[in-house]
Amino acid sequence: MNQRGVTVWLTGLSGAGKTTIANKLEGALRQRGLKVEVLDGDIVRTHLSKGLGFSKEDRDTNIKRIGYVCKLLSRSGVVAISAAISPYREIRDYNRTQIENFIEIYVKCSLEKLVERDVKGLYRKALAGEIKNFTGVSDPYEEPLNAEIVVESDRETVEESIRKIVEYLESREFTPSSNGRLISVRT
């Protein structure tokens, strides 16, 4: 199989499971012999976007930078997986227009479950007003309107979410099927 590049864009609130899903997806795709790179929002902020704050302008710049790197990777035949909150629909849509094969995945999780999972207590602090500009609490998160895939991390196992994503990638011929043959489904 000649590998086709694609960007898999995981978006969702902090703690929803984007990084976990990205890393498990990376492993599943590498097992199929694909070239894969993960751009995790937290790691990108310490290297590619060091010095940016959390204003809307800085967040937009960060997401555009991640999108640009994904564009270069996928254009070169790599599966680029972005795991970043990317709170604003306009910038996600901008990246969609810039990247030829762009698949948006909404990692959906209820606020109640996010608070329950939050070992650092950031949501509790944000809800108490102790943290300003916290996405999903005191700063907006705009849910995708037309994501190709929605995974509900508070209702599905990580394995169920990965299976849903891989099946989608198989159906669009971005990865060989589990039996080694491509599934020929066109949409």
Protein backbone atom coordinates (compact mmCIF):
# COMPACT_ATOMS: atom_id res chain seq x y z
CA MET A 1 0.00 0.00 0.00
CA ASN A 2 1.23 3.45 -0.88
CA GLN A 3 0.59 5.50 2.23
CA ARG A 4 -1.69 8.50 1.80
CA GLY A 5 -1.10 11.39 4.14
CA VAL A 6 -3.91 12.54 6.38
CA THR A 7 -4.38 14.80 9.38
CA VAL A 8 -6.43 13.40 12.24
CA TRP A 9 -7.44 16.41 14.34
CA LEU A 10 -8.54 15.52 17.88
CA THR A 11 -10.35 18.40 19.57
CA GLY A 12 -12.05 18.55 22.95
CA LEU A 13 -11.77 19.93 26.43
CA SER A 14 -8.78 19.46 28.73
CA GLY A 15 -8.86 15.98 30.21
CA ALA A 16 -11.27 14.56 27.63
CA GLY A 17 -8.74 11.96 26.51
CA LYS A 18 -7.22 13.45 23.36
CA THR A 19 -3.62 12.54 24.24
CA THR A 20 -4.54 9.02 25.34
CA ILE A 21 -6.48 8.42 22.13
CA ALA A 22 -3.71 9.98 20.00
CA ASN A 23 -1.04 7.75 21.52
CA LYS A 24 -3.12 4.56 21.24
CA LEU A 25 -4.09 5.47 17.66
CA GLU A 26 -0.43 6.07 16.82
CA GLY A 27 0.43 2.58 18.06
CA ALA A 28 -2.42 0.95 16.16
CA LEU A 29 -1.42 2.67 12.91
CA ARG A 30 2.29 1.93 13.34
CA GLN A 31 1.38 -1.76 13.75
CA ARG A 32 -0.10 -1.53 10.26
CA GLY A 33 3.20 -0.19 8.95
CA LEU A 34 2.20 3.47 8.63
CA LYS A 35 4.36 6.51 9.26
CA VAL A 36 2.69 8.48 12.07
CA GLU A 37 3.52 11.62 14.04
CA VAL A 38 1.62 12.98 17.06
CA LEU A 39 1.51 16.69 17.81
CA ASP A 40 0.29 16.97 21.38
CA GLY A 41 -0.91 20.44 22.35
CA ASP A 42 0.96 20.51 25.66
CA ILE A 43 4.25 19.43 24.08
CA VAL A 44 3.86 21.82 21.14
CA ARG A 45 3.38 24.70 23.59
CA THR A 46 6.77 23.97 25.20
CA HIS A 47 8.64 23.84 21.87
CA LEU A 48 6.94 25.22 18.76
CA SER A 49 4.76 27.77 20.55
CA LYS A 50 6.90 28.64 23.56
CA GLY A 51 6.11 32.11 24.84
CA LEU A 52 2.51 32.17 23.69
CA GLY A 53 -0.12 32.88 26.31
CA PHE A 54 -3.79 31.97 26.41
CA SER A 55 -5.39 35.01 24.81
CA LYS A 56 -7.62 34.25 21.83
CA GLU A 57 -4.93 35.59 19.49
CA ASP A 58 -2.22 33.39 21.05
CA ARG A 59 -4.46 30.32 21.03
CA ASP A 60 -5.28 30.93 17.36
CA THR A 61 -1.57 31.31 16.53
CA ASN A 62 -0.78 28.06 18.35
CA ILE A 63 -3.48 26.11 16.49
CA LYS A 64 -2.42 27.58 13.13
CA ARG A 65 1.17 26.48 13.83
CA ILE A 66 0.05 22.96 14.66
CA GLY A 67 -2.07 22.97 11.50
CA TYR A 68 0.88 24.08 9.38
CA VAL A 69 3.07 21.25 10.69
CA CYS A 70 0.22 18.77 10.12
CA LYS A 71 -0.12 20.07 6.56
CA LEU A 72 3.57 19.48 5.87
CA LEU A 73 3.50 16.01 7.39
CA SER A 74 0.34 14.82 5.67
CA ARG A 75 1.48 16.32 2.36
CA SER A 76 4.56 14.10 2.72
CA GLY A 77 2.50 10.94 3.20
CA VAL A 78 2.46 10.84 7.00
CA VAL A 79 -0.53 10.35 9.29
CA ALA A 80 -0.37 13.52 11.40
CA ILE A 81 -2.36 13.30 14.62
CA SER A 82 -3.07 16.56 16.43
CA ALA A 83 -4.24 16.35 20.03
CA ALA A 84 -4.97 19.95 21.03
CA ILE A 85 -7.96 21.58 22.69
CA SER A 86 -8.28 23.95 19.71
CA PRO A 87 -11.27 25.73 21.23
CA TYR A 88 -12.32 27.97 18.36
CA ARG A 89 -14.26 26.57 15.42
CA GLU A 90 -13.03 29.27 13.03
CA ILE A 91 -9.38 28.24 13.39
CA ARG A 92 -10.17 24.52 13.15
CA ASP A 93 -12.13 25.30 9.97
CA TYR A 94 -9.22 27.39 8.69
CA ASN A 95 -6.89 24.41 9.15
CA ARG A 96 -9.42 22.22 7.34
CA THR A 97 -9.17 24.54 4.30
CA GLN A 98 -5.36 24.42 4.39
CA ILE A 99 -4.92 20.64 4.75
CA GLU A 100 -5.96 18.36 1.90
CA ASN A 101 -7.01 15.32 3.95
CA PHE A 102 -8.37 16.64 7.25
CA ILE A 103 -10.45 14.51 9.60
CA GLU A 104 -11.90 16.25 12.65
CA ILE A 105 -12.60 14.08 15.67
CA TYR A 106 -14.51 15.54 18.57
CA VAL A 107 -13.47 13.91 21.83
CA LYS A 108 -16.62 14.66 23.76
CA CYS A 109 -16.81 14.38 27.55
CA SER A 110 -19.22 15.82 30.10
CA LEU A 111 -18.00 18.52 32.47
CA GLU A 112 -19.03 16.32 35.40
CA LYS A 113 -16.73 13.52 34.20
CA LEU A 114 -13.89 15.98 33.50
CA VAL A 115 -14.11 17.32 37.06
CA GLU A 116 -14.13 13.74 38.37
CA ARG A 117 -11.04 12.79 36.30
CA ASP A 118 -9.11 15.99 37.10
CA VAL A 119 -6.27 14.88 39.39
CA LYS A 120 -4.73 18.38 39.43
CA GLY A 121 -7.99 20.02 40.52
CA LEU A 122 -7.86 22.57 37.69
CA TYR A 123 -11.57 22.35 36.87
CA ARG A 124 -12.54 22.85 40.53
CA LYS A 125 -10.27 25.90 40.69
CA ALA A 126 -11.63 27.26 37.42
CA LEU A 127 -15.23 26.70 38.53
CA ALA A 128 -14.40 28.54 41.78
CA GLY A 129 -13.01 31.47 39.75
CA GLU A 130 -9.42 30.86 40.84
CA ILE A 131 -8.18 30.21 37.27
CA LYS A 132 -9.05 32.72 34.58
CA ASN A 133 -9.45 31.92 30.85
CA PHE A 134 -9.97 28.20 31.46
CA THR A 135 -11.42 26.62 28.33
CA GLY A 136 -14.90 25.23 28.85
CA VAL A 137 -15.42 27.11 32.12
CA SER A 138 -14.49 30.81 31.89
CA ASP A 139 -13.31 30.75 28.27
CA PRO A 140 -15.37 29.34 25.39
CA TYR A 141 -15.04 25.96 23.73
CA GLU A 142 -16.92 25.81 20.45
CA GLU A 143 -17.99 22.24 19.73
CA PRO A 144 -17.51 21.06 16.16
CA LEU A 145 -20.66 21.26 14.06
CA ASN A 146 -19.67 18.65 11.48
CA ALA A 147 -16.90 16.49 12.89
CA GLU A 148 -16.29 13.36 10.85
CA ILE A 149 -16.20 11.34 14.07
CA VAL A 150 -17.46 11.93 17.59
CA VAL A 151 -16.02 9.77 20.34
CA GLU A 152 -17.62 10.02 23.75
CA SER A 153 -14.80 9.38 26.17
CA ASP A 154 -17.14 9.36 29.16
CA ARG A 155 -19.27 6.59 27.58
CA GLU A 156 -16.88 4.53 25.44
CA THR A 157 -13.67 2.73 26.24
CA VAL A 158 -10.47 3.96 24.63
CA GLU A 159 -10.47 0.75 22.57
CA GLU A 160 -13.99 1.48 21.27
CA SER A 161 -12.92 5.00 20.29
CA ILE A 162 -9.79 3.73 18.53
CA ARG A 163 -11.81 1.08 16.67
CA LYS A 164 -14.25 3.77 15.46
CA ILE A 165 -11.40 5.97 14.20
CA VAL A 166 -9.47 3.13 12.54
CA GLU A 167 -12.60 1.86 10.79
CA TYR A 168 -13.20 5.36 9.44
CA LEU A 169 -9.59 5.57 8.20
CA GLU A 170 -9.94 2.13 6.59
CA SER A 171 -13.14 3.14 4.82
CA ARG A 172 -11.34 6.14 3.29
CA GLU A 173 -8.30 4.03 2.38
CA PHE A 174 -5.86 5.85 4.67
CA THR A 175 -4.89 2.55 6.29
CA PRO A 176 -5.04 -1.07 5.21
CA SER A 177 -7.85 -3.08 6.76
CA SER A 178 -6.97 -5.41 9.60
CA ASN A 179 -6.87 -8.35 7.20
CA GLY A 180 -4.33 -6.55 5.01
CA ARG A 181 -6.69 -5.60 2.18
CA LEU A 182 -8.02 -2.14 1.58
CA ILE A 183 -11.71 -1.58 2.02
CA SER A 184 -13.01 0.12 -1.10
CA VAL A 185 -15.61 2.54 0.17
CA ARG A 186 -15.93 5.94 -1.44
CA THR A 187 -17.86 8.84 -0.01
